Amino acid sequence: MKKAIMTVVMLTLMTGCGDEEEIKLIESAQGFINHVVDGEYEAAVEKFDERTKESLPAEQLEIVWNELEDTYGSFVQYEYEETIQEQELEILRFAGTFEQVETMLTVTFNEEEEIVGFLIQ
């Protein structure tokens, strides 16, 4: 429920910006993050390009996420921060909060709107 409210608020704020392509990427990144947070790792990696699927399969993504939660506590929330365009990549950054630490979640898309990178700092 909290995620749905956050998404509605975010979309309402972004609609005023008028950049439909950016809104679409934000929604896609949020969907990906929601799948990860909900433990739906197979669904999450469906958004990956082939190379990323090979280097970070669902099983590995699950291990990494579980290690993060074991170390920093349960994931609490995230909020869209910005989109950075770098060459043919769109890099979306979200401020994320675990129980014990604040992080930056970065989801990177290629021109085909496939996820080619997921970084947690």
PDB file of N, CA and C in Angstrom:
ATOM      1  N   MET A   1       0.828  -1.189   0.000  1.00  0.00           N
ATOM      2  CA  MET A   1       0.000   0.000   0.000  1.00  0.00           C
ATOM      3  C   MET A   1       0.871   1.251   0.000  1.00  0.00           C
ATOM      4  N   LYS A   2       1.919   1.250   0.841  1.00  0.00           N
ATOM      5  CA  LYS A   2       2.810   2.394   0.932  1.00  0.00           C
ATOM      6  C   LYS A   2       3.477   2.658  -0.422  1.00  0.00           C
ATOM      7  N   LYS A   3       3.868   1.573  -1.123  1.00  0.00           N
ATOM      8  CA  LYS A   3       4.505   1.717  -2.431  1.00  0.00           C
ATOM      9  C   LYS A   3       3.538   2.304  -3.442  1.00  0.00           C
ATOM     10  N   ALA A   4       2.284   1.858  -3.401  1.00  0.00           N
ATOM     11  CA  ALA A   4       1.282   2.353  -4.342  1.00  0.00           C
ATOM     12  C   ALA A   4       1.050   3.844  -4.143  1.00  0.00           C
ATOM     13  N   ILE A   5       0.969   4.282  -2.898  1.00  0.00           N
ATOM     14  CA  ILE A   5       0.769   5.701  -2.615  1.00  0.00           C
ATOM     15  C   ILE A   5       1.965   6.502  -3.097  1.00  0.00           C
ATOM     16  N   MET A   6       3.179   5.995  -2.843  1.00  0.00           N
ATOM     17  CA  MET A   6       4.383   6.680  -3.271  1.00  0.00           C
ATOM     18  C   MET A   6       4.414   6.799  -4.799  1.00  0.00           C
ATOM     19  N   THR A   7       3.998   5.755  -5.503  1.00  0.00           N
ATOM     20  CA  THR A   7       3.990   5.772  -6.953  1.00  0.00           C
ATOM     21  C   THR A   7       2.986   6.787  -7.467  1.00  0.00           C
ATOM     22  N   VAL A   8       1.802   6.827  -6.891  1.00  0.00           N
ATOM     23  CA  VAL A   8       0.785   7.788  -7.312  1.00  0.00           C
ATOM     24  C   VAL A   8       1.272   9.212  -7.090  1.00  0.00           C
ATOM     25  N   VAL A   9       1.865   9.476  -5.936  1.00  0.00           N
ATOM     26  CA  VAL A   9       2.394  10.807  -5.655  1.00  0.00           C
ATOM     27  C   VAL A   9       3.479  11.161  -6.656  1.00  0.00           C
ATOM     28  N   MET A  10       4.375  10.226  -6.918  1.00  0.00           N
ATOM     29  CA  MET A  10       5.468  10.476  -7.854  1.00  0.00           C
ATOM     30  C   MET A  10       4.930  10.768  -9.253  1.00  0.00           C
ATOM     31  N   LEU A  11       3.969   9.983  -9.708  1.00  0.00           N
ATOM     32  CA  LEU A  11       3.413  10.192 -11.038  1.00  0.00           C
ATOM     33  C   LEU A  11       2.683  11.520 -11.123  1.00  0.00           C
ATOM     34  N   THR A  12       2.017  11.910 -10.070  1.00  0.00           N
ATOM     35  CA  THR A  12       1.329  13.191 -10.046  1.00  0.00           C
ATOM     36  C   THR A  12       2.334  14.324 -10.173  1.00  0.00           C
ATOM     37  N   LEU A  13       3.425  14.221  -9.439  1.00  0.00           N
ATOM     38  CA  LEU A  13       4.457  15.254  -9.511  1.00  0.00           C
ATOM     39  C   LEU A  13       5.125  15.282 -10.879  1.00  0.00           C
ATOM     40  N   MET A  14       5.388  14.111 -11.431  1.00  0.00           N
ATOM     41  CA  MET A  14       6.096  14.037 -12.708  1.00  0.00           C
ATOM     42  C   MET A  14       5.210  14.437 -13.881  1.00  0.00           C
ATOM     43  N   THR A  15       3.904  14.266 -13.789  1.00  0.00           N
ATOM     44  CA  THR A  15       3.020  14.599 -14.880  1.00  0.00           C
ATOM     45  C   THR A  15       3.153  16.063 -15.255  1.00  0.00           C
ATOM     46  N   GLY A  16       3.384  16.884 -14.282  1.00  0.00           N
ATOM     47  CA  GLY A  16       3.577  18.301 -14.556  1.00  0.00           C
ATOM     48  C   GLY A  16       4.818  18.575 -15.379  1.00  0.00           C
ATOM     49  N   CYS A  17       5.778  17.683 -15.342  1.00  0.00           N
ATOM     50  CA  CYS A  17       7.011  17.872 -16.097  1.00  0.00           C
ATOM     51  C   CYS A  17       6.807  17.632 -17.584  1.00  0.00           C
ATOM     52  N   GLY A  18       5.836  16.803 -17.932  1.00  0.00           N
ATOM     53  CA  GLY A  18       5.514  16.585 -19.336  1.00  0.00           C
ATOM     54  C   GLY A  18       6.463  15.675 -20.084  1.00  0.00           C
ATOM     55  N   ASP A  19       7.433  15.086 -19.469  1.00  0.00           N
ATOM     56  CA  ASP A  19       8.367  14.209 -20.155  1.00  0.00           C
ATOM     57  C   ASP A  19       7.873  12.767 -20.049  1.00  0.00           C
ATOM     58  N   GLU A  20       7.071  12.349 -21.015  1.00  0.00           N
ATOM     59  CA  GLU A  20       6.463  11.016 -20.972  1.00  0.00           C
ATOM     60  C   GLU A  20       7.497   9.894 -20.980  1.00  0.00           C
ATOM     61  N   GLU A  21       8.574  10.075 -21.720  1.00  0.00           N
ATOM     62  CA  GLU A  21       9.619   9.052 -21.777  1.00  0.00           C
ATOM     63  C   GLU A  21      10.266   8.854 -20.405  1.00  0.00           C
ATOM     64  N   GLU A  22      10.537   9.939 -19.725  1.00  0.00           N
ATOM     65  CA  GLU A  22      11.139   9.845 -18.390  1.00  0.00           C
ATOM     66  C   GLU A  22      10.168   9.188 -17.413  1.00  0.00           C
ATOM     67  N   ILE A  23       8.898   9.556 -17.491  1.00  0.00           N
ATOM     68  CA  ILE A  23       7.885   8.956 -16.615  1.00  0.00           C
ATOM     69  C   ILE A  23       7.827   7.449 -16.852  1.00  0.00           C
ATOM     70  N   LYS A  24       7.886   7.043 -18.106  1.00  0.00           N
ATOM     71  CA  LYS A  24       7.853   5.614 -18.443  1.00  0.00           C
ATOM     72  C   LYS A  24       9.048   4.886 -17.836  1.00  0.00           C
ATOM     73  N   LEU A  25      10.227   5.478 -17.918  1.00  0.00           N
ATOM     74  CA  LEU A  25      11.424   4.859 -17.335  1.00  0.00           C
ATOM     75  C   LEU A  25      11.348   4.819 -15.811  1.00  0.00           C
ATOM     76  N   ILE A  26      10.828   5.877 -15.204  1.00  0.00           N
ATOM     77  CA  ILE A  26      10.670   5.890 -13.749  1.00  0.00           C
ATOM     78  C   ILE A  26       9.732   4.771 -13.320  1.00  0.00           C
ATOM     79  N   GLU A  27       8.616   4.622 -14.021  1.00  0.00           N
ATOM     80  CA  GLU A  27       7.667   3.553 -13.703  1.00  0.00           C
ATOM     81  C   GLU A  27       8.309   2.177 -13.862  1.00  0.00           C
ATOM     82  N   SER A  28       9.101   2.007 -14.922  1.00  0.00           N
ATOM     83  CA  SER A  28       9.770   0.733 -15.155  1.00  0.00           C
ATOM     84  C   SER A  28      10.776   0.438 -14.041  1.00  0.00           C
ATOM     85  N   ALA A  29      11.556   1.445 -13.660  1.00  0.00           N
ATOM     86  CA  ALA A  29      12.535   1.268 -12.583  1.00  0.00           C
ATOM     87  C   ALA A  29      11.828   0.973 -11.262  1.00  0.00           C
ATOM     88  N   GLN A  30      10.734   1.665 -10.990  1.00  0.00           N
ATOM     89  CA  GLN A  30       9.987   1.414  -9.763  1.00  0.00           C
ATOM     90  C   GLN A  30       9.418  -0.001  -9.756  1.00  0.00           C
ATOM     91  N   GLY A  31       8.925  -0.445 -10.909  1.00  0.00           N
ATOM     92  CA  GLY A  31       8.418  -1.816 -11.004  1.00  0.00           C
ATOM     93  C   GLY A  31       9.514  -2.827 -10.703  1.00  0.00           C
ATOM     94  N   PHE A  32      10.703  -2.578 -11.265  1.00  0.00           N
ATOM     95  CA  PHE A  32      11.847  -3.446 -11.015  1.00  0.00           C
ATOM     96  C   PHE A  32      12.194  -3.474  -9.526  1.00  0.00           C
ATOM     97  N   ILE A  33      12.327  -2.296  -8.928  1.00  0.00           N
ATOM     98  CA  ILE A  33      12.675  -2.228  -7.505  1.00  0.00           C
ATOM     99  C   ILE A  33      11.605  -2.908  -6.654  1.00  0.00           C
ATOM    100  N   ASN A  34      10.342  -2.682  -6.988  1.00  0.00           N
ATOM    101  CA  ASN A  34       9.256  -3.320  -6.240  1.00  0.00           C
ATOM    102  C   ASN A  34       9.349  -4.844  -6.318  1.00  0.00           C
ATOM    103  N   HIS A  35       9.684  -5.378  -7.499  1.00  0.00           N
ATOM    104  CA  HIS A  35       9.846  -6.832  -7.632  1.00  0.00           C
ATOM    105  C   HIS A  35      10.963  -7.328  -6.709  1.00  0.00           C
ATOM    106  N   VAL A  36      12.071  -6.603  -6.689  1.00  0.00           N
ATOM    107  CA  VAL A  36      13.194  -7.005  -5.832  1.00  0.00           C
ATOM    108  C   VAL A  36      12.777  -6.976  -4.369  1.00  0.00           C
ATOM    109  N   VAL A  37      12.181  -5.873  -3.945  1.00  0.00           N
ATOM    110  CA  VAL A  37      11.775  -5.712  -2.548  1.00  0.00           C
ATOM    111  C   VAL A  37      10.769  -6.793  -2.143  1.00  0.00           C
ATOM    112  N   ASP A  38       9.887  -7.167  -3.071  1.00  0.00           N
ATOM    113  CA  ASP A  38       8.861  -8.175  -2.786  1.00  0.00           C
ATOM    114  C   ASP A  38       9.365  -9.605  -2.933  1.00  0.00           C
ATOM    115  N   GLY A  39      10.655  -9.770  -3.265  1.00  0.00           N
ATOM    116  CA  GLY A  39      11.220 -11.112  -3.405  1.00  0.00           C
ATOM    117  C   GLY A  39      10.849 -11.788  -4.709  1.00  0.00           C
ATOM    118  N   GLU A  40      10.419 -11.027  -5.695  1.00  0.00           N
ATOM    119  CA  GLU A  40      10.032 -11.558  -7.013  1.00  0.00           C
ATOM    120  C   GLU A  40      11.213 -11.395  -7.973  1.00  0.00           C
ATOM    121  N   TYR A  41      12.255 -12.166  -7.730  1.00  0.00           N
ATOM    122  CA  TYR A  41      13.518 -11.988  -8.445  1.00  0.00           C
ATOM    123  C   TYR A  41      13.427 -12.404  -9.911  1.00  0.00           C
ATOM    124  N   GLU A  42      12.680 -13.444 -10.209  1.00  0.00           N
ATOM    125  CA  GLU A  42      12.507 -13.856 -11.610  1.00  0.00           C
ATOM    126  C   GLU A  42      11.820 -12.754 -12.405  1.00  0.00           C
ATOM    127  N   ALA A  43      10.801 -12.153 -11.831  1.00  0.00           N
ATOM    128  CA  ALA A  43      10.095 -11.057 -12.505  1.00  0.00           C
ATOM    129  C   ALA A  43      11.020  -9.846 -12.661  1.00  0.00           C
ATOM    130  N   ALA A  44      11.845  -9.606 -11.668  1.00  0.00           N
ATOM    131  CA  ALA A  44      12.764  -8.464 -11.718  1.00  0.00           C
ATOM    132  C   ALA A  44      13.753  -8.592 -12.870  1.00  0.00           C
ATOM    133  N   VAL A  45      14.342  -9.762 -13.035  1.00  0.00           N
ATOM    134  CA  VAL A  45      15.372  -9.915 -14.069  1.00  0.00           C
ATOM    135  C   VAL A  45      14.794  -9.972 -15.471  1.00  0.00           C
ATOM    136  N   GLU A  46      13.489 -10.103 -15.611  1.00  0.00           N
ATOM    137  CA  GLU A  46      12.880 -10.065 -16.944  1.00  0.00           C
ATOM    138  C   GLU A  46      13.138  -8.733 -17.632  1.00  0.00           C
ATOM    139  N   LYS A  47      13.383  -7.689 -16.885  1.00  0.00           N
ATOM    140  CA  LYS A  47      13.637  -6.362 -17.452  1.00  0.00           C
ATOM    141  C   LYS A  47      15.106  -6.185 -17.868  1.00  0.00           C
ATOM    142  N   PHE A  48      15.968  -7.161 -17.527  1.00  0.00           N
ATOM    143  CA  PHE A  48      17.391  -7.073 -17.848  1.00  0.00           C
ATOM    144  C   PHE A  48      17.640  -7.365 -19.329  1.00  0.00           C
ATOM    145  N   ASP A  49      18.717  -6.786 -19.866  1.00  0.00           N
ATOM    146  CA  ASP A  49      19.180  -7.220 -21.175  1.00  0.00           C
ATOM    147  C   ASP A  49      19.876  -8.570 -20.985  1.00  0.00           C
ATOM    148  N   GLU A  50      20.199  -9.243 -22.072  1.00  0.00           N
ATOM    149  CA  GLU A  50      20.757 -10.605 -21.996  1.00  0.00           C
ATOM    150  C   GLU A  50      22.059 -10.652 -21.208  1.00  0.00           C
ATOM    151  N   ARG A  51      22.954  -9.694 -21.430  1.00  0.00           N
ATOM    152  CA  ARG A  51      24.246  -9.708 -20.732  1.00  0.00           C
ATOM    153  C   ARG A  51      24.062  -9.564 -19.222  1.00  0.00           C
ATOM    154  N   THR A  52      23.146  -8.707 -18.820  1.00  0.00           N
ATOM    155  CA  THR A  52      22.905  -8.493 -17.395  1.00  0.00           C
ATOM    156  C   THR A  52      22.245  -9.721 -16.776  1.00  0.00           C
ATOM    157  N   LYS A  53      21.345 -10.380 -17.528  1.00  0.00           N
ATOM    158  CA  LYS A  53      20.723 -11.618 -17.034  1.00  0.00           C
ATOM    159  C   LYS A  53      21.776 -12.683 -16.763  1.00  0.00           C
ATOM    160  N   GLU A  54      22.804 -12.728 -17.618  1.00  0.00           N
ATOM    161  CA  GLU A  54      23.873 -13.711 -17.436  1.00  0.00           C
ATOM    162  C   GLU A  54      24.755 -13.364 -16.248  1.00  0.00           C
ATOM    163  N   SER A  55      25.052 -12.077 -16.061  1.00  0.00           N
ATOM    164  CA  SER A  55      25.960 -11.697 -14.979  1.00  0.00           C
ATOM    165  C   SER A  55      25.260 -11.561 -13.628  1.00  0.00           C
ATOM    166  N   LEU A  56      23.930 -11.317 -13.634  1.00  0.00           N
ATOM    167  CA  LEU A  56      23.187 -11.202 -12.382  1.00  0.00           C
ATOM    168  C   LEU A  56      21.844 -11.938 -12.524  1.00  0.00           C
ATOM    169  N   PRO A  57      21.900 -13.270 -12.541  1.00  0.00           N
ATOM    170  CA  PRO A  57      20.650 -14.036 -12.635  1.00  0.00           C
ATOM    171  C   PRO A  57      19.812 -13.870 -11.366  1.00  0.00           C
ATOM    172  N   ALA A  58      18.570 -14.290 -11.442  1.00  0.00           N
ATOM    173  CA  ALA A  58      17.630 -14.136 -10.330  1.00  0.00           C
ATOM    174  C   ALA A  58      18.189 -14.702  -9.024  1.00  0.00           C
ATOM    175  N   GLU A  59      18.841 -15.861  -9.099  1.00  0.00           N
ATOM    176  CA  GLU A  59      19.371 -16.498  -7.892  1.00  0.00           C
ATOM    177  C   GLU A  59      20.438 -15.622  -7.233  1.00  0.00           C
ATOM    178  N   GLN A  60      21.280 -15.004  -8.040  1.00  0.00           N
ATOM    179  CA  GLN A  60      22.340 -14.139  -7.511  1.00  0.00           C
ATOM    180  C   GLN A  60      21.752 -12.842  -6.963  1.00  0.00           C
ATOM    181  N   LEU A  61      20.763 -12.290  -7.657  1.00  0.00           N
ATOM    182  CA  LEU A  61      20.090 -11.093  -7.180  1.00  0.00           C
ATOM    183  C   LEU A  61      19.457 -11.342  -5.806  1.00  0.00           C
ATOM    184  N   GLU A  62      18.858 -12.503  -5.646  1.00  0.00           N
ATOM    185  CA  GLU A  62      18.254 -12.867  -4.362  1.00  0.00           C
ATOM    186  C   GLU A  62      19.310 -12.939  -3.262  1.00  0.00           C
ATOM    187  N   ILE A  63      20.441 -13.548  -3.561  1.00  0.00           N
ATOM    188  CA  ILE A  63      21.527 -13.656  -2.573  1.00  0.00           C
ATOM    189  C   ILE A  63      22.005 -12.267  -2.163  1.00  0.00           C
ATOM    190  N   VAL A  64      22.238 -11.403  -3.138  1.00  0.00           N
ATOM    191  CA  VAL A  64      22.730 -10.053  -2.854  1.00  0.00           C
ATOM    192  C   VAL A  64      21.723  -9.285  -2.010  1.00  0.00           C
ATOM    193  N   TRP A  65      20.443  -9.338  -2.400  1.00  0.00           N
ATOM    194  CA  TRP A  65      19.421  -8.590  -1.662  1.00  0.00           C
ATOM    195  C   TRP A  65      19.280  -9.118  -0.232  1.00  0.00           C
ATOM    196  N   ASN A  66      19.288 -10.438  -0.074  1.00  0.00           N
ATOM    197  CA  ASN A  66      19.175 -11.019   1.269  1.00  0.00           C
ATOM    198  C   ASN A  66      20.363 -10.640   2.146  1.00  0.00           C
ATOM    199  N   GLU A  67      21.555 -10.595   1.566  1.00  0.00           N
ATOM    200  CA  GLU A  67      22.742 -10.172   2.322  1.00  0.00           C
ATOM    201  C   GLU A  67      22.604  -8.724   2.772  1.00  0.00           C
ATOM    202  N   LEU A  68      22.065  -7.870   1.887  1.00  0.00           N
ATOM    203  CA  LEU A  68      21.853  -6.470   2.267  1.00  0.00           C
ATOM    204  C   LEU A  68      20.884  -6.358   3.439  1.00  0.00           C
ATOM    205  N   GLU A  69      19.784  -7.106   3.372  1.00  0.00           N
ATOM    206  CA  GLU A  69      18.806  -7.044   4.457  1.00  0.00           C
ATOM    207  C   GLU A  69      19.341  -7.681   5.740  1.00  0.00           C
ATOM    208  N   ASP A  70      20.160  -8.711   5.612  1.00  0.00           N
ATOM    209  CA  ASP A  70      20.782  -9.304   6.800  1.00  0.00           C
ATOM    210  C   ASP A  70      21.721  -8.308   7.469  1.00  0.00           C
ATOM    211  N   THR A  71      22.419  -7.521   6.666  1.00  0.00           N
ATOM    212  CA  THR A  71      23.395  -6.566   7.181  1.00  0.00           C
ATOM    213  C   THR A  71      22.753  -5.278   7.678  1.00  0.00           C
ATOM    214  N   TYR A  72      21.790  -4.747   6.899  1.00  0.00           N
ATOM    215  CA  TYR A  72      21.251  -3.408   7.182  1.00  0.00           C
ATOM    216  C   TYR A  72      19.799  -3.388   7.649  1.00  0.00           C
ATOM    217  N   GLY A  73      19.193  -4.548   7.822  1.00  0.00           N
ATOM    218  CA  GLY A  73      17.795  -4.598   8.237  1.00  0.00           C
ATOM    219  C   GLY A  73      16.865  -4.574   7.035  1.00  0.00           C
ATOM    220  N   SER A  74      15.597  -4.672   7.299  1.00  0.00           N
ATOM    221  CA  SER A  74      14.597  -4.704   6.226  1.00  0.00           C
ATOM    222  C   SER A  74      14.616  -3.415   5.424  1.00  0.00           C
ATOM    223  N   PHE A  75      14.266  -3.545   4.150  1.00  0.00           N
ATOM    224  CA  PHE A  75      14.154  -2.371   3.294  1.00  0.00           C
ATOM    225  C   PHE A  75      12.883  -1.626   3.665  1.00  0.00           C
ATOM    226  N   VAL A  76      12.978  -0.305   3.810  1.00  0.00           N
ATOM    227  CA  VAL A  76      11.858   0.490   4.292  1.00  0.00           C
ATOM    228  C   VAL A  76      11.155   1.218   3.153  1.00  0.00           C
ATOM    229  N   GLN A  77      11.914   1.970   2.346  1.00  0.00           N
ATOM    230  CA  GLN A  77      11.305   2.779   1.294  1.00  0.00           C
ATOM    231  C   GLN A  77      12.344   3.265   0.303  1.00  0.00           C
ATOM    232  N   TYR A  78      11.845   3.850  -0.787  1.00  0.00           N
ATOM    233  CA  TYR A  78      12.711   4.518  -1.747  1.00  0.00           C
ATOM    234  C   TYR A  78      11.939   5.673  -2.369  1.00  0.00           C
ATOM    235  N   GLU A  79      12.710   6.617  -2.914  1.00  0.00           N
ATOM    236  CA  GLU A  79      12.104   7.793  -3.526  1.00  0.00           C
ATOM    237  C   GLU A  79      12.954   8.218  -4.722  1.00  0.00           C
ATOM    238  N   TYR A  80      12.298   8.517  -5.821  1.00  0.00           N
ATOM    239  CA  TYR A  80      12.995   8.973  -7.023  1.00  0.00           C
ATOM    240  C   TYR A  80      13.752  10.259  -6.743  1.00  0.00           C
ATOM    241  N   GLU A  81      14.994  10.321  -7.212  1.00  0.00           N
ATOM    242  CA  GLU A  81      15.828  11.506  -7.049  1.00  0.00           C
ATOM    243  C   GLU A  81      16.060  12.225  -8.373  1.00  0.00           C
ATOM    244  N   GLU A  82      16.598  11.489  -9.367  1.00  0.00           N
ATOM    245  CA  GLU A  82      16.953  12.155 -10.622  1.00  0.00           C
ATOM    246  C   GLU A  82      17.214  11.143 -11.729  1.00  0.00           C
ATOM    247  N   THR A  83      17.203  11.662 -12.944  1.00  0.00           N
ATOM    248  CA  THR A  83      17.603  10.889 -14.125  1.00  0.00           C
ATOM    249  C   THR A  83      18.782  11.597 -14.758  1.00  0.00           C
ATOM    250  N   ILE A  84      19.807  10.827 -15.055  1.00  0.00           N
ATOM    251  CA  ILE A  84      21.005  11.359 -15.699  1.00  0.00           C
ATOM    252  C   ILE A  84      21.149  10.657 -17.041  1.00  0.00           C
ATOM    253  N   GLN A  85      21.339  11.425 -18.106  1.00  0.00           N
ATOM    254  CA  GLN A  85      21.577  10.824 -19.412  1.00  0.00           C
ATOM    255  C   GLN A  85      23.078  10.847 -19.670  1.00  0.00           C
ATOM    256  N   GLU A  86      23.605   9.665 -19.994  1.00  0.00           N
ATOM    257  CA  GLU A  86      25.029   9.535 -20.257  1.00  0.00           C
ATOM    258  C   GLU A  86      25.199   8.680 -21.501  1.00  0.00           C
ATOM    259  N   GLN A  87      25.608   9.300 -22.591  1.00  0.00           N
ATOM    260  CA  GLN A  87      25.684   8.661 -23.897  1.00  0.00           C
ATOM    261  C   GLN A  87      24.318   8.071 -24.232  1.00  0.00           C
ATOM    262  N   GLU A  88      24.218   6.775 -24.502  1.00  0.00           N
ATOM    263  CA  GLU A  88      22.915   6.181 -24.829  1.00  0.00           C
ATOM    264  C   GLU A  88      22.228   5.578 -23.610  1.00  0.00           C
ATOM    265  N   LEU A  89      22.700   5.893 -22.427  1.00  0.00           N
ATOM    266  CA  LEU A  89      22.145   5.315 -21.210  1.00  0.00           C
ATOM    267  C   LEU A  89      21.313   6.335 -20.446  1.00  0.00           C
ATOM    268  N   GLU A  90      20.270   5.841 -19.792  1.00  0.00           N
ATOM    269  CA  GLU A  90      19.467   6.641 -18.873  1.00  0.00           C
ATOM    270  C   GLU A  90      19.705   6.054 -17.481  1.00  0.00           C
ATOM    271  N   ILE A  91      20.217   6.853 -16.586  1.00  0.00           N
ATOM    272  CA  ILE A  91      20.575   6.406 -15.245  1.00  0.00           C
ATOM    273  C   ILE A  91      19.595   7.038 -14.260  1.00  0.00           C
ATOM    274  N   LEU A  92      18.798   6.204 -13.624  1.00  0.00           N
ATOM    275  CA  LEU A  92      17.800   6.684 -12.665  1.00  0.00           C
ATOM    276  C   LEU A  92      18.292   6.395 -11.258  1.00  0.00           C
ATOM    277  N   ARG A  93      18.240   7.415 -10.420  1.00  0.00           N
ATOM    278  CA  ARG A  93      18.731   7.291  -9.048  1.00  0.00           C
ATOM    279  C   ARG A  93      17.572   7.469  -8.073  1.00  0.00           C
ATOM    280  N   PHE A  94      17.540   6.575  -7.082  1.00  0.00           N
ATOM    281  CA  PHE A  94      16.505   6.580  -6.051  1.00  0.00           C
ATOM    282  C   PHE A  94      17.182   6.557  -4.688  1.00  0.00           C
ATOM    283  N   ALA A  95      16.746   7.436  -3.799  1.00  0.00           N
ATOM    284  CA  ALA A  95      17.221   7.385  -2.414  1.00  0.00           C
ATOM    285  C   ALA A  95      16.472   6.241  -1.742  1.00  0.00           C
ATOM    286  N   GLY A  96      17.216   5.313  -1.162  1.00  0.00           N
ATOM    287  CA  GLY A  96      16.615   4.155  -0.522  1.00  0.00           C
ATOM    288  C   GLY A  96      16.972   4.096   0.951  1.00  0.00           C
ATOM    289  N   THR A  97      16.081   3.491   1.723  1.00  0.00           N
ATOM    290  CA  THR A  97      16.312   3.390   3.158  1.00  0.00           C
ATOM    291  C   THR A  97      16.088   1.958   3.622  1.00  0.00           C
ATOM    292  N   PHE A  98      17.127   1.395   4.225  1.00  0.00           N
ATOM    293  CA  PHE A  98      17.003   0.160   4.985  1.00  0.00           C
ATOM    294  C   PHE A  98      16.829   0.587   6.440  1.00  0.00           C
ATOM    295  N   GLU A  99      16.516  -0.326   7.333  1.00  0.00           N
ATOM    296  CA  GLU A  99      16.314   0.037   8.742  1.00  0.00           C
ATOM    297  C   GLU A  99      17.527   0.730   9.344  1.00  0.00           C
ATOM    298  N   GLN A 100      18.741   0.332   8.924  1.00  0.00           N
ATOM    299  CA  GLN A 100      19.941   0.842   9.579  1.00  0.00           C
ATOM    300  C   GLN A 100      20.797   1.764   8.715  1.00  0.00           C
ATOM    301  N   VAL A 101      20.435   1.954   7.453  1.00  0.00           N
ATOM    302  CA  VAL A 101      21.295   2.759   6.587  1.00  0.00           C
ATOM    303  C   VAL A 101      20.492   3.333   5.422  1.00  0.00           C
ATOM    304  N   GLU A 102      20.939   4.497   4.974  1.00  0.00           N
ATOM    305  CA  GLU A 102      20.363   5.084   3.773  1.00  0.00           C
ATOM    306  C   GLU A 102      21.279   4.755   2.606  1.00  0.00           C
ATOM    307  N   THR A 103      20.671   4.480   1.447  1.00  0.00           N
ATOM    308  CA  THR A 103      21.440   4.070   0.285  1.00  0.00           C
ATOM    309  C   THR A 103      20.985   4.844  -0.945  1.00  0.00           C
ATOM    310  N   MET A 104      21.709   4.647  -2.038  1.00  0.00           N
ATOM    311  CA  MET A 104      21.305   5.148  -3.334  1.00  0.00           C
ATOM    312  C   MET A 104      21.143   3.936  -4.243  1.00  0.00           C
ATOM    313  N   LEU A 105      19.950   3.765  -4.796  1.00  0.00           N
ATOM    314  CA  LEU A 105      19.677   2.693  -5.753  1.00  0.00           C
ATOM    315  C   LEU A 105      19.771   3.305  -7.146  1.00  0.00           C
ATOM    316  N   THR A 106      20.588   2.708  -7.988  1.00  0.00           N
ATOM    317  CA  THR A 106      20.767   3.217  -9.337  1.00  0.00           C
ATOM    318  C   THR A 106      20.349   2.133 -10.323  1.00  0.00           C
ATOM    319  N   VAL A 107      19.414   2.477 -11.205  1.00  0.00           N
ATOM    320  CA  VAL A 107      18.928   1.568 -12.237  1.00  0.00           C
ATOM    321  C   VAL A 107      19.269   2.204 -13.572  1.00  0.00           C
ATOM    322  N   THR A 108      20.030   1.484 -14.410  1.00  0.00           N
ATOM    323  CA  THR A 108      20.484   2.020 -15.680  1.00  0.00           C
ATOM    324  C   THR A 108      19.813   1.290 -16.837  1.00  0.00           C
ATOM    325  N   PHE A 109      19.294   2.078 -17.782  1.00  0.00           N
ATOM    326  CA  PHE A 109      18.604   1.545 -18.954  1.00  0.00           C
ATOM    327  C   PHE A 109      19.397   1.839 -20.219  1.00  0.00           C
ATOM    328  N   ASN A 110      19.319   0.910 -21.180  1.00  0.00           N
ATOM    329  CA  ASN A 110      19.895   1.147 -22.499  1.00  0.00           C
ATOM    330  C   ASN A 110      18.833   1.781 -23.406  1.00  0.00           C
ATOM    331  N   GLU A 111      19.154   1.956 -24.687  1.00  0.00           N
ATOM    332  CA  GLU A 111      18.225   2.580 -25.631  1.00  0.00           C
ATOM    333  C   GLU A 111      16.955   1.762 -25.846  1.00  0.00           C
ATOM    334  N   GLU A 112      17.037   0.453 -25.628  1.00  0.00           N
ATOM    335  CA  GLU A 112      15.878  -0.428 -25.795  1.00  0.00           C
ATOM    336  C   GLU A 112      15.035  -0.505 -24.521  1.00  0.00           C
ATOM    337  N   GLU A 113      15.361   0.337 -23.560  1.00  0.00           N
ATOM    338  CA  GLU A 113      14.678   0.402 -22.268  1.00  0.00           C
ATOM    339  C   GLU A 113      14.792  -0.896 -21.476  1.00  0.00           C
ATOM    340  N   GLU A 114      15.926  -1.581 -21.665  1.00  0.00           N
ATOM    341  CA  GLU A 114      16.264  -2.760 -20.877  1.00  0.00           C
ATOM    342  C   GLU A 114      17.209  -2.316 -19.769  1.00  0.00           C
ATOM    343  N   ILE A 115      17.128  -2.980 -18.626  1.00  0.00           N
ATOM    344  CA  ILE A 115      18.023  -2.654 -17.530  1.00  0.00           C
ATOM    345  C   ILE A 115      19.377  -3.286 -17.799  1.00  0.00           C
ATOM    346  N   VAL A 116      20.402  -2.446 -17.781  1.00  0.00           N
ATOM    347  CA  VAL A 116      21.773  -2.911 -18.016  1.00  0.00           C
ATOM    348  C   VAL A 116      22.643  -2.729 -16.781  1.00  0.00           C
ATOM    349  N   GLY A 117      22.048  -2.211 -15.712  1.00  0.00           N
ATOM    350  CA  GLY A 117      22.811  -2.045 -14.484  1.00  0.00           C
ATOM    351  C   GLY A 117      21.901  -1.780 -13.302  1.00  0.00           C
ATOM    352  N   PHE A 118      22.292  -2.342 -12.157  1.00  0.00           N
ATOM    353  CA  PHE A 118      21.595  -2.107 -10.886  1.00  0.00           C
ATOM    354  C   PHE A 118      22.664  -2.016  -9.819  1.00  0.00           C
ATOM    355  N   LEU A 119      22.755  -0.859  -9.198  1.00  0.00           N
ATOM    356  CA  LEU A 119      23.803  -0.593  -8.230  1.00  0.00           C
ATOM    357  C   LEU A 119      23.171  -0.086  -6.941  1.00  0.00           C
ATOM    358  N   ILE A 120      23.668  -0.588  -5.823  1.00  0.00           N
ATOM    359  CA  ILE A 120      23.218  -0.125  -4.519  1.00  0.00           C
ATOM    360  C   ILE A 120      24.440   0.398  -3.778  1.00  0.00           C
ATOM    361  N   GLN A 121      24.427   1.675  -3.445  1.00  0.00           N
ATOM    362  CA  GLN A 121      25.552   2.298  -2.768  1.00  0.00           C
ATOM    363  C   GLN A 121      25.125   2.800  -1.412  1.00  0.00           C
TER     364      GLN A 121
END
